[in-house]
mmCIF file of all heavy atoms, coordinates in Angstrom:
data_MODEL
# 
_entry.id   MODEL 
# 
loop_
_atom_site.group_PDB 
_atom_site.id 
_atom_site.type_symbol 
_atom_site.label_atom_id 
_atom_site.label_alt_id 
_atom_site.label_comp_id 
_atom_site.label_asym_id 
_atom_site.label_entity_id 
_atom_site.label_seq_id 
_atom_site.pdbx_PDB_ins_code 
_atom_site.Cartn_x 
_atom_site.Cartn_y 
_atom_site.Cartn_z 
_atom_site.occupancy 
_atom_site.B_iso_or_equiv 
_atom_site.pdbx_formal_charge 
_atom_site.auth_seq_id 
_atom_site.auth_comp_id 
_atom_site.auth_asym_id 
_atom_site.auth_atom_id 
_atom_site.pdbx_PDB_model_num 
ATOM 1   N N   . TYR A 1 1  ? 17.376 3.118   4.380   1.00 0.00 ? 1  TYR A N   1 
ATOM 2   C CA  . TYR A 1 1  ? 18.044 3.900   3.425   1.00 0.00 ? 1  TYR A CA  1 
ATOM 3   C C   . TYR A 1 1  ? 18.220 2.962   2.227   1.00 0.00 ? 1  TYR A C   1 
ATOM 4   O O   . TYR A 1 1  ? 19.222 2.340   1.978   1.00 0.00 ? 1  TYR A O   1 
ATOM 5   C CB  . TYR A 1 1  ? 19.406 4.314   4.023   1.00 0.00 ? 1  TYR A CB  1 
ATOM 6   C CG  . TYR A 1 1  ? 20.183 5.195   2.963   1.00 0.00 ? 1  TYR A CG  1 
ATOM 7   C CD1 . TYR A 1 1  ? 19.632 6.253   2.300   1.00 0.00 ? 1  TYR A CD1 1 
ATOM 8   C CD2 . TYR A 1 1  ? 21.482 4.939   2.756   1.00 0.00 ? 1  TYR A CD2 1 
ATOM 9   C CE1 . TYR A 1 1  ? 20.368 7.063   1.453   1.00 0.00 ? 1  TYR A CE1 1 
ATOM 10  C CE2 . TYR A 1 1  ? 22.261 5.712   1.860   1.00 0.00 ? 1  TYR A CE2 1 
ATOM 11  C CZ  . TYR A 1 1  ? 21.608 6.863   1.283   1.00 0.00 ? 1  TYR A CZ  1 
ATOM 12  O OH  . TYR A 1 1  ? 22.322 7.611   0.331   1.00 0.00 ? 1  TYR A OH  1 
ATOM 13  N N   . GLY A 1 2  ? 17.010 2.920   1.522   1.00 0.00 ? 2  GLY A N   1 
ATOM 14  C CA  . GLY A 1 2  ? 16.860 1.965   0.394   1.00 0.00 ? 2  GLY A CA  1 
ATOM 15  C C   . GLY A 1 2  ? 15.328 1.810   0.139   1.00 0.00 ? 2  GLY A C   1 
ATOM 16  O O   . GLY A 1 2  ? 14.612 2.690   0.548   1.00 0.00 ? 2  GLY A O   1 
ATOM 17  N N   . CYS A 1 3  ? 14.947 0.663   -0.391  1.00 0.00 ? 3  CYS A N   1 
ATOM 18  C CA  . CYS A 1 3  ? 13.529 0.471   -0.836  1.00 0.00 ? 3  CYS A CA  1 
ATOM 19  C C   . CYS A 1 3  ? 12.837 -0.600  0.004   1.00 0.00 ? 3  CYS A C   1 
ATOM 20  O O   . CYS A 1 3  ? 13.459 -1.437  0.662   1.00 0.00 ? 3  CYS A O   1 
ATOM 21  C CB  . CYS A 1 3  ? 13.529 0.041   -2.292  1.00 0.00 ? 3  CYS A CB  1 
ATOM 22  S SG  . CYS A 1 3  ? 13.993 1.321   -3.405  1.00 0.00 ? 3  CYS A SG  1 
ATOM 23  N N   . ILE A 1 4  ? 11.532 -0.549  -0.049  1.00 0.00 ? 4  ILE A N   1 
ATOM 24  C CA  . ILE A 1 4  ? 10.595 -1.521  0.499   1.00 0.00 ? 4  ILE A CA  1 
ATOM 25  C C   . ILE A 1 4  ? 9.745  -2.017  -0.573  1.00 0.00 ? 4  ILE A C   1 
ATOM 26  O O   . ILE A 1 4  ? 9.735  -1.444  -1.748  1.00 0.00 ? 4  ILE A O   1 
ATOM 27  C CB  . ILE A 1 4  ? 9.794  -1.024  1.655   1.00 0.00 ? 4  ILE A CB  1 
ATOM 28  C CG1 . ILE A 1 4  ? 8.751  -0.005  1.184   1.00 0.00 ? 4  ILE A CG1 1 
ATOM 29  C CG2 . ILE A 1 4  ? 10.636 -0.462  2.770   1.00 0.00 ? 4  ILE A CG2 1 
ATOM 30  C CD1 . ILE A 1 4  ? 7.481  0.010   1.918   1.00 0.00 ? 4  ILE A CD1 1 
ATOM 31  N N   . ARG A 1 5  ? 9.023  -3.065  -0.327  1.00 0.00 ? 5  ARG A N   1 
ATOM 32  C CA  . ARG A 1 5  ? 7.916  -3.534  -1.289  1.00 0.00 ? 5  ARG A CA  1 
ATOM 33  C C   . ARG A 1 5  ? 6.722  -3.897  -0.488  1.00 0.00 ? 5  ARG A C   1 
ATOM 34  O O   . ARG A 1 5  ? 6.710  -3.787  0.743   1.00 0.00 ? 5  ARG A O   1 
ATOM 35  C CB  . ARG A 1 5  ? 8.420  -4.712  -2.102  1.00 0.00 ? 5  ARG A CB  1 
ATOM 36  C CG  . ARG A 1 5  ? 8.718  -6.018  -1.342  1.00 0.00 ? 5  ARG A CG  1 
ATOM 37  C CD  . ARG A 1 5  ? 9.360  -6.969  -2.257  1.00 0.00 ? 5  ARG A CD  1 
ATOM 38  N NE  . ARG A 1 5  ? 9.108  -8.363  -1.851  1.00 0.00 ? 5  ARG A NE  1 
ATOM 39  C CZ  . ARG A 1 5  ? 9.246  -9.418  -2.617  1.00 0.00 ? 5  ARG A CZ  1 
ATOM 40  N NH1 . ARG A 1 5  ? 9.668  -9.240  -3.864  1.00 0.00 ? 5  ARG A NH1 1 
ATOM 41  N NH2 . ARG A 1 5  ? 9.084  -10.626 -2.182  1.00 0.00 ? 5  ARG A NH2 1 
ATOM 42  N N   . ASP A 1 6  ? 5.702  -4.300  -1.166  1.00 0.00 ? 6  ASP A N   1 
ATOM 43  C CA  . ASP A 1 6  ? 4.377  -4.566  -0.519  1.00 0.00 ? 6  ASP A CA  1 
ATOM 44  C C   . ASP A 1 6  ? 3.877  -3.347  0.256   1.00 0.00 ? 6  ASP A C   1 
ATOM 45  O O   . ASP A 1 6  ? 3.259  -3.367  1.335   1.00 0.00 ? 6  ASP A O   1 
ATOM 46  C CB  . ASP A 1 6  ? 4.462  -5.776  0.459   1.00 0.00 ? 6  ASP A CB  1 
ATOM 47  C CG  . ASP A 1 6  ? 5.077  -7.060  -0.224  1.00 0.00 ? 6  ASP A CG  1 
ATOM 48  O OD1 . ASP A 1 6  ? 4.497  -7.342  -1.264  1.00 0.00 ? 6  ASP A OD1 1 
ATOM 49  O OD2 . ASP A 1 6  ? 5.949  -7.628  0.370   1.00 0.00 ? 6  ASP A OD2 1 
ATOM 50  N N   . ALA A 1 7  ? 4.014  -2.165  -0.380  1.00 0.00 ? 7  ALA A N   1 
ATOM 51  C CA  . ALA A 1 7  ? 3.646  -0.990  0.299   1.00 0.00 ? 7  ALA A CA  1 
ATOM 52  C C   . ALA A 1 7  ? 2.172  -0.856  0.557   1.00 0.00 ? 7  ALA A C   1 
ATOM 53  O O   . ALA A 1 7  ? 1.842  -0.275  1.721   1.00 0.00 ? 7  ALA A O   1 
ATOM 54  C CB  . ALA A 1 7  ? 3.978  0.242   -0.675  1.00 0.00 ? 7  ALA A CB  1 
ATOM 55  N N   . LYS A 1 8  ? 1.339  -1.455  -0.116  1.00 0.00 ? 8  LYS A N   1 
ATOM 56  C CA  . LYS A 1 8  ? -0.101 -1.290  0.211   1.00 0.00 ? 8  LYS A CA  1 
ATOM 57  C C   . LYS A 1 8  ? -0.452 -2.036  1.500   1.00 0.00 ? 8  LYS A C   1 
ATOM 58  O O   . LYS A 1 8  ? -1.097 -1.573  2.365   1.00 0.00 ? 8  LYS A O   1 
ATOM 59  C CB  . LYS A 1 8  ? -0.965 -1.897  -0.960  1.00 0.00 ? 8  LYS A CB  1 
ATOM 60  C CG  . LYS A 1 8  ? -2.460 -1.725  -0.664  1.00 0.00 ? 8  LYS A CG  1 
ATOM 61  C CD  . LYS A 1 8  ? -3.242 -2.203  -1.982  1.00 0.00 ? 8  LYS A CD  1 
ATOM 62  C CE  . LYS A 1 8  ? -4.696 -1.984  -1.757  1.00 0.00 ? 8  LYS A CE  1 
ATOM 63  N NZ  . LYS A 1 8  ? -5.497 -2.338  -2.989  1.00 0.00 ? 8  LYS A NZ  1 
ATOM 64  N N   . ALA A 1 9  ? 0.150  -3.254  1.653   1.00 0.00 ? 9  ALA A N   1 
ATOM 65  C CA  . ALA A 1 9  ? -0.095 -4.071  2.751   1.00 0.00 ? 9  ALA A CA  1 
ATOM 66  C C   . ALA A 1 9  ? 0.549  -3.405  3.990   1.00 0.00 ? 9  ALA A C   1 
ATOM 67  O O   . ALA A 1 9  ? -0.057 -3.347  5.026   1.00 0.00 ? 9  ALA A O   1 
ATOM 68  C CB  . ALA A 1 9  ? 0.395  -5.424  2.656   1.00 0.00 ? 9  ALA A CB  1 
ATOM 69  N N   . ILE A 1 10 ? 1.806  -2.890  3.851   1.00 0.00 ? 10 ILE A N   1 
ATOM 70  C CA  . ILE A 1 10 ? 2.505  -2.285  4.964   1.00 0.00 ? 10 ILE A CA  1 
ATOM 71  C C   . ILE A 1 10 ? 1.750  -1.069  5.410   1.00 0.00 ? 10 ILE A C   1 
ATOM 72  O O   . ILE A 1 10 ? 1.711  -0.700  6.675   1.00 0.00 ? 10 ILE A O   1 
ATOM 73  C CB  . ILE A 1 10 ? 3.979  -1.945  4.604   1.00 0.00 ? 10 ILE A CB  1 
ATOM 74  C CG1 . ILE A 1 10 ? 4.737  -3.257  4.512   1.00 0.00 ? 10 ILE A CG1 1 
ATOM 75  C CG2 . ILE A 1 10 ? 4.590  -1.058  5.570   1.00 0.00 ? 10 ILE A CG2 1 
ATOM 76  C CD1 . ILE A 1 10 ? 6.099  -3.111  3.842   1.00 0.00 ? 10 ILE A CD1 1 
ATOM 77  N N   . GLY A 1 11 ? 1.127  -0.314  4.538   1.00 0.00 ? 11 GLY A N   1 
ATOM 78  C CA  . GLY A 1 11 ? 0.328  0.805   4.859   1.00 0.00 ? 11 GLY A CA  1 
ATOM 79  C C   . GLY A 1 11 ? -0.845 0.573   5.825   1.00 0.00 ? 11 GLY A C   1 
ATOM 80  O O   . GLY A 1 11 ? -1.369 1.468   6.440   1.00 0.00 ? 11 GLY A O   1 
ATOM 81  N N   . HIS A 1 12 ? -1.226 -0.650  5.893   1.00 0.00 ? 12 HIS A N   1 
ATOM 82  C CA  . HIS A 1 12 ? -2.312 -1.010  6.892   1.00 0.00 ? 12 HIS A CA  1 
ATOM 83  C C   . HIS A 1 12 ? -1.822 -1.588  8.131   1.00 0.00 ? 12 HIS A C   1 
ATOM 84  O O   . HIS A 1 12 ? -2.641 -1.919  8.969   1.00 0.00 ? 12 HIS A O   1 
ATOM 85  C CB  . HIS A 1 12 ? -3.332 -2.015  6.216   1.00 0.00 ? 12 HIS A CB  1 
ATOM 86  C CG  . HIS A 1 12 ? -3.976 -1.497  4.955   1.00 0.00 ? 12 HIS A CG  1 
ATOM 87  N ND1 . HIS A 1 12 ? -5.016 -0.487  5.071   1.00 0.00 ? 12 HIS A ND1 1 
ATOM 88  C CD2 . HIS A 1 12 ? -3.773 -1.666  3.580   1.00 0.00 ? 12 HIS A CD2 1 
ATOM 89  C CE1 . HIS A 1 12 ? -5.423 -0.147  3.828   1.00 0.00 ? 12 HIS A CE1 1 
ATOM 90  N NE2 . HIS A 1 12 ? -4.718 -0.876  2.933   1.00 0.00 ? 12 HIS A NE2 1 
ATOM 91  N N   . MET A 1 13 ? -0.519 -1.644  8.330   1.00 0.00 ? 13 MET A N   1 
ATOM 92  C CA  . MET A 1 13 ? 0.013  -2.279  9.589   1.00 0.00 ? 13 MET A CA  1 
ATOM 93  C C   . MET A 1 13 ? 0.299  -1.214  10.622  1.00 0.00 ? 13 MET A C   1 
ATOM 94  O O   . MET A 1 13 ? 0.825  -0.060  10.244  1.00 0.00 ? 13 MET A O   1 
ATOM 95  C CB  . MET A 1 13 ? 1.221  -3.034  9.218   1.00 0.00 ? 13 MET A CB  1 
ATOM 96  C CG  . MET A 1 13 ? 0.960  -4.248  8.395   1.00 0.00 ? 13 MET A CG  1 
ATOM 97  S SD  . MET A 1 13 ? 2.506  -5.162  8.043   1.00 0.00 ? 13 MET A SD  1 
ATOM 98  C CE  . MET A 1 13 ? 2.023  -6.187  6.758   1.00 0.00 ? 13 MET A CE  1 
ATOM 99  N N   . PRO A 1 14 ? 0.124  -1.411  11.892  1.00 0.00 ? 14 PRO A N   1 
ATOM 100 C CA  . PRO A 1 14 ? 0.384  -0.487  12.959  1.00 0.00 ? 14 PRO A CA  1 
ATOM 101 C C   . PRO A 1 14 ? 1.907  -0.429  13.311  1.00 0.00 ? 14 PRO A C   1 
ATOM 102 O O   . PRO A 1 14 ? 2.287  -0.701  14.377  1.00 0.00 ? 14 PRO A O   1 
ATOM 103 C CB  . PRO A 1 14 ? -0.426 -1.072  14.213  1.00 0.00 ? 14 PRO A CB  1 
ATOM 104 C CG  . PRO A 1 14 ? -0.441 -2.512  13.978  1.00 0.00 ? 14 PRO A CG  1 
ATOM 105 C CD  . PRO A 1 14 ? -0.441 -2.741  12.464  1.00 0.00 ? 14 PRO A CD  1 
ATOM 106 N N   . VAL A 1 15 ? 2.710  0.038   12.256  1.00 0.00 ? 15 VAL A N   1 
ATOM 107 C CA  . VAL A 1 15 ? 4.126  0.232   12.481  1.00 0.00 ? 15 VAL A CA  1 
ATOM 108 C C   . VAL A 1 15 ? 4.591  1.296   11.555  1.00 0.00 ? 15 VAL A C   1 
ATOM 109 O O   . VAL A 1 15 ? 4.000  1.498   10.481  1.00 0.00 ? 15 VAL A O   1 
ATOM 110 C CB  . VAL A 1 15 ? 4.913  -1.145  12.140  1.00 0.00 ? 15 VAL A CB  1 
ATOM 111 C CG1 . VAL A 1 15 ? 4.799  -1.558  10.656  1.00 0.00 ? 15 VAL A CG1 1 
ATOM 112 C CG2 . VAL A 1 15 ? 6.393  -0.967  12.574  1.00 0.00 ? 15 VAL A CG2 1 
ATOM 113 N N   . GLY A 1 16 ? 5.557  2.117   12.025  1.00 0.00 ? 16 GLY A N   1 
ATOM 114 C CA  . GLY A 1 16 ? 6.143  3.127   11.185  1.00 0.00 ? 16 GLY A CA  1 
ATOM 115 C C   . GLY A 1 16 ? 7.198  2.589   10.208  1.00 0.00 ? 16 GLY A C   1 
ATOM 116 O O   . GLY A 1 16 ? 8.036  1.714   10.692  1.00 0.00 ? 16 GLY A O   1 
ATOM 117 N N   . VAL A 1 17 ? 7.135  2.927   8.981   1.00 0.00 ? 17 VAL A N   1 
ATOM 118 C CA  . VAL A 1 17 ? 8.054  2.501   8.039   1.00 0.00 ? 17 VAL A CA  1 
ATOM 119 C C   . VAL A 1 17 ? 8.402  3.707   7.077   1.00 0.00 ? 17 VAL A C   1 
ATOM 120 O O   . VAL A 1 17 ? 7.514  4.181   6.425   1.00 0.00 ? 17 VAL A O   1 
ATOM 121 C CB  . VAL A 1 17 ? 7.596  1.270   7.135   1.00 0.00 ? 17 VAL A CB  1 
ATOM 122 C CG1 . VAL A 1 17 ? 8.660  0.940   6.117   1.00 0.00 ? 17 VAL A CG1 1 
ATOM 123 C CG2 . VAL A 1 17 ? 7.291  0.113   7.958   1.00 0.00 ? 17 VAL A CG2 1 
ATOM 124 N N   . PHE A 1 18 ? 9.674  4.109   7.110   1.00 0.00 ? 18 PHE A N   1 
ATOM 125 C CA  . PHE A 1 18 ? 10.087 5.176   6.275   1.00 0.00 ? 18 PHE A CA  1 
ATOM 126 C C   . PHE A 1 18 ? 11.112 4.591   5.306   1.00 0.00 ? 18 PHE A C   1 
ATOM 127 O O   . PHE A 1 18 ? 12.065 3.807   5.799   1.00 0.00 ? 18 PHE A O   1 
ATOM 128 C CB  . PHE A 1 18 ? 10.765 6.296   7.036   1.00 0.00 ? 18 PHE A CB  1 
ATOM 129 C CG  . PHE A 1 18 ? 9.826  7.326   7.543   1.00 0.00 ? 18 PHE A CG  1 
ATOM 130 C CD1 . PHE A 1 18 ? 8.575  7.064   7.900   1.00 0.00 ? 18 PHE A CD1 1 
ATOM 131 C CD2 . PHE A 1 18 ? 10.283 8.621   7.869   1.00 0.00 ? 18 PHE A CD2 1 
ATOM 132 C CE1 . PHE A 1 18 ? 7.675  8.061   8.492   1.00 0.00 ? 18 PHE A CE1 1 
ATOM 133 C CE2 . PHE A 1 18 ? 9.531  9.618   8.360   1.00 0.00 ? 18 PHE A CE2 1 
ATOM 134 C CZ  . PHE A 1 18 ? 8.181  9.314   8.691   1.00 0.00 ? 18 PHE A CZ  1 
ATOM 135 N N   . ALA A 1 19 ? 11.138 4.864   4.026   1.00 0.00 ? 19 ALA A N   1 
ATOM 136 C CA  . ALA A 1 19 ? 12.087 4.365   3.076   1.00 0.00 ? 19 ALA A CA  1 
ATOM 137 C C   . ALA A 1 19 ? 12.166 5.496   1.986   1.00 0.00 ? 19 ALA A C   1 
ATOM 138 O O   . ALA A 1 19 ? 11.430 6.332   1.889   1.00 0.00 ? 19 ALA A O   1 
ATOM 139 C CB  . ALA A 1 19 ? 11.665 3.021   2.539   1.00 0.00 ? 19 ALA A CB  1 
ATOM 140 N N   . LEU A 1 20 ? 13.185 5.169   1.113   1.00 0.00 ? 20 LEU A N   1 
ATOM 141 C CA  . LEU A 1 20 ? 13.439 6.146   0.009   1.00 0.00 ? 20 LEU A CA  1 
ATOM 142 C C   . LEU A 1 20 ? 12.357 5.890   -1.048  1.00 0.00 ? 20 LEU A C   1 
ATOM 143 O O   . LEU A 1 20 ? 11.813 6.899   -1.660  1.00 0.00 ? 20 LEU A O   1 
ATOM 144 C CB  . LEU A 1 20 ? 14.675 5.837   -0.664  1.00 0.00 ? 20 LEU A CB  1 
ATOM 145 C CG  . LEU A 1 20 ? 16.007 6.129   0.163   1.00 0.00 ? 20 LEU A CG  1 
ATOM 146 C CD1 . LEU A 1 20 ? 17.261 5.766   -0.599  1.00 0.00 ? 20 LEU A CD1 1 
ATOM 147 C CD2 . LEU A 1 20 ? 15.997 7.509   0.723   1.00 0.00 ? 20 LEU A CD2 1 
ATOM 148 N N   . ASP A 1 21 ? 12.003 4.657   -1.251  1.00 0.00 ? 21 ASP A N   1 
ATOM 149 C CA  . ASP A 1 21 ? 10.972 4.411   -2.326  1.00 0.00 ? 21 ASP A CA  1 
ATOM 150 C C   . ASP A 1 21 ? 10.506 2.885   -2.258  1.00 0.00 ? 21 ASP A C   1 
ATOM 151 O O   . ASP A 1 21 ? 10.905 2.239   -1.354  1.00 0.00 ? 21 ASP A O   1 
ATOM 152 C CB  . ASP A 1 21 ? 11.492 4.696   -3.646  1.00 0.00 ? 21 ASP A CB  1 
ATOM 153 C CG  . ASP A 1 21 ? 10.465 5.265   -4.700  1.00 0.00 ? 21 ASP A CG  1 
ATOM 154 O OD1 . ASP A 1 21 ? 9.238  4.874   -4.570  1.00 0.00 ? 21 ASP A OD1 1 
ATOM 155 O OD2 . ASP A 1 21 ? 10.776 6.080   -5.527  1.00 0.00 ? 21 ASP A OD2 1 
ATOM 156 N N   . THR A 1 22 ? 9.820  2.489   -3.262  1.00 0.00 ? 22 THR A N   1 
ATOM 157 C CA  . THR A 1 22 ? 9.475  1.033   -3.382  1.00 0.00 ? 22 THR A CA  1 
ATOM 158 C C   . THR A 1 22 ? 10.118 0.427   -4.606  1.00 0.00 ? 22 THR A C   1 
ATOM 159 O O   . THR A 1 22 ? 10.515 1.108   -5.551  1.00 0.00 ? 22 THR A O   1 
ATOM 160 C CB  . THR A 1 22 ? 7.888  0.829   -3.595  1.00 0.00 ? 22 THR A CB  1 
ATOM 161 O OG1 . THR A 1 22 ? 7.519  1.586   -4.786  1.00 0.00 ? 22 THR A OG1 1 
ATOM 162 C CG2 . THR A 1 22 ? 7.153  1.484   -2.419  1.00 0.00 ? 22 THR A CG2 1 
ATOM 163 N N   . HIS A 1 23 ? 10.211 -0.901  -4.501  1.00 0.00 ? 23 HIS A N   1 
ATOM 164 C CA  . HIS A 1 23 ? 10.816 -1.708  -5.638  1.00 0.00 ? 23 HIS A CA  1 
ATOM 165 C C   . HIS A 1 23 ? 10.241 -3.086  -5.477  1.00 0.00 ? 23 HIS A C   1 
ATOM 166 O O   . HIS A 1 23 ? 10.177 -3.678  -4.421  1.00 0.00 ? 23 HIS A O   1 
ATOM 167 C CB  . HIS A 1 23 ? 12.329 -1.746  -5.464  1.00 0.00 ? 23 HIS A CB  1 
ATOM 168 C CG  . HIS A 1 23 ? 12.970 -2.172  -6.781  1.00 0.00 ? 23 HIS A CG  1 
ATOM 169 N ND1 . HIS A 1 23 ? 12.863 -3.438  -7.291  1.00 0.00 ? 23 HIS A ND1 1 
ATOM 170 C CD2 . HIS A 1 23 ? 13.737 -1.488  -7.663  1.00 0.00 ? 23 HIS A CD2 1 
ATOM 171 C CE1 . HIS A 1 23 ? 13.584 -3.497  -8.455  1.00 0.00 ? 23 HIS A CE1 1 
ATOM 172 N NE2 . HIS A 1 23 ? 14.087 -2.319  -8.641  1.00 0.00 ? 23 HIS A NE2 1 
ATOM 173 N N   . PRO A 1 24 ? 9.750  -3.767  -6.534  1.00 0.00 ? 24 PRO A N   1 
ATOM 174 C CA  . PRO A 1 24 ? 9.112  -5.069  -6.499  1.00 0.00 ? 24 PRO A CA  1 
ATOM 175 C C   . PRO A 1 24 ? 10.006 -6.175  -6.274  1.00 0.00 ? 24 PRO A C   1 
ATOM 176 O O   . PRO A 1 24 ? 9.669  -7.211  -5.841  1.00 0.00 ? 24 PRO A O   1 
ATOM 177 C CB  . PRO A 1 24 ? 8.349  -5.155  -7.850  1.00 0.00 ? 24 PRO A CB  1 
ATOM 178 C CG  . PRO A 1 24 ? 9.037  -4.283  -8.698  1.00 0.00 ? 24 PRO A CG  1 
ATOM 179 C CD  . PRO A 1 24 ? 9.608  -3.122  -7.958  1.00 0.00 ? 24 PRO A CD  1 
ATOM 180 N N   . ARG A 1 25 ? 11.322 -6.010  -6.565  1.00 0.00 ? 25 ARG A N   1 
ATOM 181 C CA  . ARG A 1 25 ? 12.294 -7.171  -6.537  1.00 0.00 ? 25 ARG A CA  1 
ATOM 182 C C   . ARG A 1 25 ? 12.706 -7.385  -5.103  1.00 0.00 ? 25 ARG A C   1 
ATOM 183 O O   . ARG A 1 25 ? 13.149 -6.444  -4.376  1.00 0.00 ? 25 ARG A O   1 
ATOM 184 C CB  . ARG A 1 25 ? 13.489 -6.828  -7.430  1.00 0.00 ? 25 ARG A CB  1 
ATOM 185 C CG  . ARG A 1 25 ? 14.499 -7.973  -7.440  1.00 0.00 ? 25 ARG A CG  1 
ATOM 186 C CD  . ARG A 1 25 ? 15.525 -7.760  -8.533  1.00 0.00 ? 25 ARG A CD  1 
ATOM 187 N NE  . ARG A 1 25 ? 14.909 -8.186  -9.753  1.00 0.00 ? 25 ARG A NE  1 
ATOM 188 C CZ  . ARG A 1 25 ? 14.974 -7.460  -10.878 1.00 0.00 ? 25 ARG A CZ  1 
ATOM 189 N NH1 . ARG A 1 25 ? 15.651 -6.304  -10.905 1.00 0.00 ? 25 ARG A NH1 1 
ATOM 190 N NH2 . ARG A 1 25 ? 14.424 -7.759  -12.027 1.00 0.00 ? 25 ARG A NH2 1 
ATOM 191 N N   . LYS A 1 26 ? 12.811 -8.691  -4.680  1.00 0.00 ? 26 LYS A N   1 
ATOM 192 C CA  . LYS A 1 26 ? 13.325 -9.040  -3.453  1.00 0.00 ? 26 LYS A CA  1 
ATOM 193 C C   . LYS A 1 26 ? 14.856 -9.004  -3.470  1.00 0.00 ? 26 LYS A C   1 
ATOM 194 O O   . LYS A 1 26 ? 15.499 -9.090  -4.521  1.00 0.00 ? 26 LYS A O   1 
ATOM 195 C CB  . LYS A 1 26 ? 12.796 -10.416 -2.961  1.00 0.00 ? 26 LYS A CB  1 
ATOM 196 C CG  . LYS A 1 26 ? 13.326 -11.522 -3.808  1.00 0.00 ? 26 LYS A CG  1 
ATOM 197 C CD  . LYS A 1 26 ? 12.723 -12.809 -3.209  1.00 0.00 ? 26 LYS A CD  1 
ATOM 198 C CE  . LYS A 1 26 ? 13.180 -13.994 -4.187  1.00 0.00 ? 26 LYS A CE  1 
ATOM 199 N NZ  . LYS A 1 26 ? 12.589 -15.277 -3.686  1.00 0.00 ? 26 LYS A NZ  1 
ATOM 200 N N   . SER A 1 27 ? 15.454 -8.961  -2.242  1.00 0.00 ? 27 SER A N   1 
ATOM 201 C CA  . SER A 1 27 ? 16.892 -8.943  -2.124  1.00 0.00 ? 27 SER A CA  1 
ATOM 202 C C   . SER A 1 27 ? 17.407 -10.372 -2.191  1.00 0.00 ? 27 SER A C   1 
ATOM 203 O O   . SER A 1 27 ? 16.713 -11.277 -2.067  1.00 0.00 ? 27 SER A O   1 
ATOM 204 C CB  . SER A 1 27 ? 17.315 -8.272  -0.823  1.00 0.00 ? 27 SER A CB  1 
ATOM 205 O OG  . SER A 1 27 ? 17.174 -9.125  0.272   1.00 0.00 ? 27 SER A OG  1 
# 
């Protein structure tokens, strides 16, 4: 319930990831 980054790389990994959107800034 927030954002992720590195969406292109995550899209090639064998894991499910759901998020609201992407954001380039780290926490």
